[in-house]
Amino acid sequence: LWIKKSYEESKKGKLVVMLIPSRTDTIAWHEFIFPYAEIRFIKGRLKFSGSKIPAPFPNAIIVFREPYRTYKVYP
């Protein structure tokens, strides 16, 4: 729901930047991110300061802003 809300806020002219898990098989990615966002995949796993282990999943930076970039997704 918060990815949908981020997309909706960007339609109002707001710049929205998100750091999210790179789970590209989810509905949110196909309905809101692929068609309307800039996607920046992060190489490797994130490791925050003070942590001894990295995140257990890959991450991506998602940018919602106008004009939207469109990407074609092939089934």
N, C-alpha and C. Protein backbone atom coordinates (compact mmCIF):
# COMPACT_ATOMS: atom_id res chain seq x y z
N LEU A 1 0.81 -1.21 0.00
CA LEU A 1 0.00 0.00 0.00
C LEU A 1 0.85 1.26 0.00
N TRP A 2 1.99 1.24 0.67
CA TRP A 2 2.79 2.47 0.72
C TRP A 2 3.51 2.73 -0.60
N ILE A 3 3.75 1.72 -1.40
CA ILE A 3 4.31 1.96 -2.73
C ILE A 3 3.26 2.63 -3.61
N LYS A 4 2.02 2.16 -3.52
CA LYS A 4 0.92 2.80 -4.26
C LYS A 4 0.78 4.25 -3.81
N LYS A 5 0.82 4.50 -2.50
CA LYS A 5 0.71 5.86 -1.96
C LYS A 5 1.86 6.73 -2.46
N SER A 6 3.06 6.19 -2.53
CA SER A 6 4.21 6.94 -3.04
C SER A 6 3.99 7.34 -4.49
N TYR A 7 3.50 6.41 -5.29
CA TYR A 7 3.20 6.71 -6.69
C TYR A 7 2.14 7.80 -6.78
N GLU A 8 1.08 7.69 -5.99
CA GLU A 8 0.00 8.69 -6.02
C GLU A 8 0.50 10.07 -5.62
N GLU A 9 1.38 10.15 -4.64
CA GLU A 9 1.94 11.44 -4.23
C GLU A 9 2.80 12.04 -5.33
N SER A 10 3.50 11.18 -6.07
CA SER A 10 4.33 11.69 -7.17
C SER A 10 3.46 12.29 -8.27
N LYS A 11 2.25 11.77 -8.45
CA LYS A 11 1.33 12.33 -9.44
C LYS A 11 0.90 13.74 -9.06
N LYS A 12 1.04 14.09 -7.78
CA LYS A 12 0.71 15.44 -7.32
C LYS A 12 1.91 16.38 -7.42
N GLY A 13 3.00 15.90 -8.03
CA GLY A 13 4.17 16.73 -8.24
C GLY A 13 5.27 16.55 -7.21
N LYS A 14 5.12 15.61 -6.31
CA LYS A 14 6.13 15.39 -5.28
C LYS A 14 7.19 14.42 -5.78
N LEU A 15 8.42 14.66 -5.37
CA LEU A 15 9.52 13.74 -5.65
C LEU A 15 9.52 12.70 -4.53
N VAL A 16 9.48 11.42 -4.89
CA VAL A 16 9.47 10.35 -3.90
C VAL A 16 10.64 9.42 -4.20
N VAL A 17 11.49 9.21 -3.19
CA VAL A 17 12.63 8.30 -3.33
C VAL A 17 12.49 7.23 -2.26
N MET A 18 12.60 5.98 -2.68
CA MET A 18 12.41 4.86 -1.76
C MET A 18 13.57 3.89 -1.85
N LEU A 19 13.97 3.34 -0.73
CA LEU A 19 14.92 2.23 -0.67
C LEU A 19 14.09 1.02 -0.27
N ILE A 20 13.98 0.05 -1.19
CA ILE A 20 13.11 -1.09 -0.94
C ILE A 20 13.80 -2.40 -1.34
N PRO A 21 13.30 -3.53 -0.83
CA PRO A 21 13.81 -4.81 -1.29
C PRO A 21 13.54 -4.98 -2.79
N SER A 22 14.48 -5.56 -3.47
CA SER A 22 14.35 -5.76 -4.91
C SER A 22 13.63 -7.08 -5.19
N ARG A 23 12.35 -7.09 -4.86
CA ARG A 23 11.52 -8.29 -5.08
C ARG A 23 10.67 -8.03 -6.32
N THR A 24 11.30 -8.19 -7.47
CA THR A 24 10.69 -7.79 -8.74
C THR A 24 9.54 -8.69 -9.20
N ASP A 25 9.26 -9.74 -8.46
CA ASP A 25 8.16 -10.63 -8.83
C ASP A 25 6.84 -10.21 -8.19
N THR A 26 6.84 -9.16 -7.38
CA THR A 26 5.63 -8.76 -6.66
C THR A 26 4.72 -7.89 -7.51
N ILE A 27 3.46 -7.84 -7.12
CA ILE A 27 2.46 -7.04 -7.84
C ILE A 27 2.85 -5.57 -7.84
N ALA A 28 3.34 -5.07 -6.71
CA ALA A 28 3.70 -3.64 -6.63
C ALA A 28 4.73 -3.27 -7.68
N TRP A 29 5.70 -4.12 -7.90
CA TRP A 29 6.72 -3.83 -8.93
C TRP A 29 6.08 -3.74 -10.31
N HIS A 30 5.16 -4.63 -10.62
CA HIS A 30 4.56 -4.67 -11.95
C HIS A 30 3.49 -3.61 -12.16
N GLU A 31 2.79 -3.21 -11.11
CA GLU A 31 1.72 -2.22 -11.26
C GLU A 31 2.18 -0.79 -11.08
N PHE A 32 3.20 -0.55 -10.25
CA PHE A 32 3.59 0.82 -9.94
C PHE A 32 5.04 1.16 -10.25
N ILE A 33 5.95 0.24 -10.04
CA ILE A 33 7.37 0.57 -10.20
C ILE A 33 7.83 0.47 -11.64
N PHE A 34 7.67 -0.67 -12.28
CA PHE A 34 8.13 -0.81 -13.67
C PHE A 34 7.51 0.24 -14.60
N PRO A 35 6.20 0.50 -14.53
CA PRO A 35 5.63 1.47 -15.48
C PRO A 35 5.93 2.94 -15.18
N TYR A 36 6.21 3.30 -13.92
CA TYR A 36 6.23 4.72 -13.56
C TYR A 36 7.49 5.21 -12.85
N ALA A 37 8.43 4.36 -12.54
CA ALA A 37 9.56 4.79 -11.71
C ALA A 37 10.90 4.64 -12.40
N GLU A 38 11.86 5.41 -11.91
CA GLU A 38 13.26 5.18 -12.25
C GLU A 38 13.74 4.13 -11.25
N ILE A 39 14.48 3.16 -11.74
CA ILE A 39 14.93 2.06 -10.90
C ILE A 39 16.45 2.04 -10.90
N ARG A 40 17.02 1.98 -9.72
CA ARG A 40 18.48 1.89 -9.58
C ARG A 40 18.79 0.70 -8.69
N PHE A 41 19.25 -0.37 -9.31
CA PHE A 41 19.57 -1.57 -8.54
C PHE A 41 20.92 -1.37 -7.85
N ILE A 42 21.02 -1.86 -6.62
CA ILE A 42 22.23 -1.72 -5.83
C ILE A 42 23.02 -3.02 -5.93
N LYS A 43 24.29 -2.90 -6.32
CA LYS A 43 25.14 -4.07 -6.45
C LYS A 43 25.49 -4.60 -5.06
N GLY A 44 25.33 -5.88 -4.87
CA GLY A 44 25.64 -6.49 -3.58
C GLY A 44 24.54 -6.26 -2.57
N ARG A 45 24.82 -6.59 -1.33
CA ARG A 45 23.84 -6.44 -0.25
C ARG A 45 24.23 -5.26 0.63
N LEU A 46 23.23 -4.51 1.07
CA LEU A 46 23.48 -3.37 1.94
C LEU A 46 23.97 -3.83 3.31
N LYS A 47 24.84 -3.01 3.89
CA LYS A 47 25.30 -3.26 5.24
C LYS A 47 25.32 -1.91 5.94
N PHE A 48 24.47 -1.75 6.93
CA PHE A 48 24.40 -0.50 7.65
C PHE A 48 25.48 -0.44 8.72
N SER A 49 25.91 0.77 9.05
CA SER A 49 27.00 0.91 10.04
C SER A 49 26.59 0.30 11.37
N GLY A 50 27.52 -0.36 11.99
CA GLY A 50 27.25 -1.02 13.25
C GLY A 50 26.75 -2.44 13.11
N SER A 51 26.36 -2.83 11.91
CA SER A 51 25.86 -4.19 11.69
C SER A 51 27.00 -5.10 11.27
N LYS A 52 26.97 -6.31 11.75
CA LYS A 52 28.00 -7.28 11.38
C LYS A 52 27.63 -8.09 10.15
N ILE A 53 26.33 -8.10 9.81
CA ILE A 53 25.89 -8.89 8.67
C ILE A 53 25.12 -8.00 7.68
N PRO A 54 25.17 -8.34 6.39
CA PRO A 54 24.43 -7.55 5.40
C PRO A 54 22.94 -7.90 5.39
N ALA A 55 22.17 -7.11 4.68
CA ALA A 55 20.74 -7.38 4.51
C ALA A 55 20.56 -8.76 3.87
N PRO A 56 19.50 -9.49 4.21
CA PRO A 56 19.29 -10.82 3.67
C PRO A 56 18.66 -10.83 2.27
N PHE A 57 18.53 -9.65 1.65
CA PHE A 57 17.91 -9.55 0.33
C PHE A 57 18.55 -8.39 -0.43
N PRO A 58 18.48 -8.42 -1.78
CA PRO A 58 18.98 -7.30 -2.57
C PRO A 58 18.03 -6.11 -2.45
N ASN A 59 18.54 -4.91 -2.72
CA ASN A 59 17.75 -3.69 -2.61
C ASN A 59 17.82 -2.87 -3.89
N ALA A 60 16.88 -1.95 -4.01
CA ALA A 60 16.86 -1.03 -5.13
C ALA A 60 16.40 0.34 -4.64
N ILE A 61 16.86 1.37 -5.32
CA ILE A 61 16.37 2.72 -5.07
C ILE A 61 15.34 3.01 -6.15
N ILE A 62 14.17 3.43 -5.72
CA ILE A 62 13.06 3.72 -6.62
C ILE A 62 12.79 5.22 -6.56
N VAL A 63 12.68 5.85 -7.72
CA VAL A 63 12.42 7.29 -7.78
C VAL A 63 11.15 7.51 -8.59
N PHE A 64 10.16 8.08 -7.93
CA PHE A 64 8.94 8.51 -8.62
C PHE A 64 9.02 10.01 -8.82
N ARG A 65 8.93 10.45 -10.06
CA ARG A 65 8.87 11.88 -10.37
C ARG A 65 8.37 12.04 -11.79
N GLU A 66 7.90 13.23 -12.09
CA GLU A 66 7.46 13.51 -13.45
C GLU A 66 8.60 14.12 -14.21
N PRO A 67 8.76 13.93 -15.50
CA PRO A 67 7.96 12.99 -16.29
C PRO A 67 8.37 11.56 -15.98
N TYR A 68 7.40 10.68 -16.03
CA TYR A 68 7.67 9.28 -15.71
C TYR A 68 8.48 8.63 -16.81
N ARG A 69 9.37 7.78 -16.41
CA ARG A 69 10.07 6.94 -17.37
C ARG A 69 9.25 5.67 -17.51
N THR A 70 9.15 5.18 -18.68
CA THR A 70 8.40 3.94 -18.86
C THR A 70 9.35 2.83 -19.28
N TYR A 71 9.06 1.65 -18.83
CA TYR A 71 9.83 0.47 -19.16
C TYR A 71 8.89 -0.58 -19.69
N LYS A 72 9.32 -1.30 -20.66
CA LYS A 72 8.51 -2.38 -21.20
C LYS A 72 8.88 -3.67 -20.46
N VAL A 73 7.87 -4.38 -20.00
CA VAL A 73 8.09 -5.65 -19.31
C VAL A 73 7.56 -6.75 -20.22
N TYR A 74 8.39 -7.71 -20.49
CA TYR A 74 8.00 -8.82 -21.36
C TYR A 74 7.59 -10.01 -20.51
N PRO A 75 6.47 -10.65 -20.84
CA PRO A 75 6.02 -11.81 -20.06
C PRO A 75 6.93 -13.01 -20.23
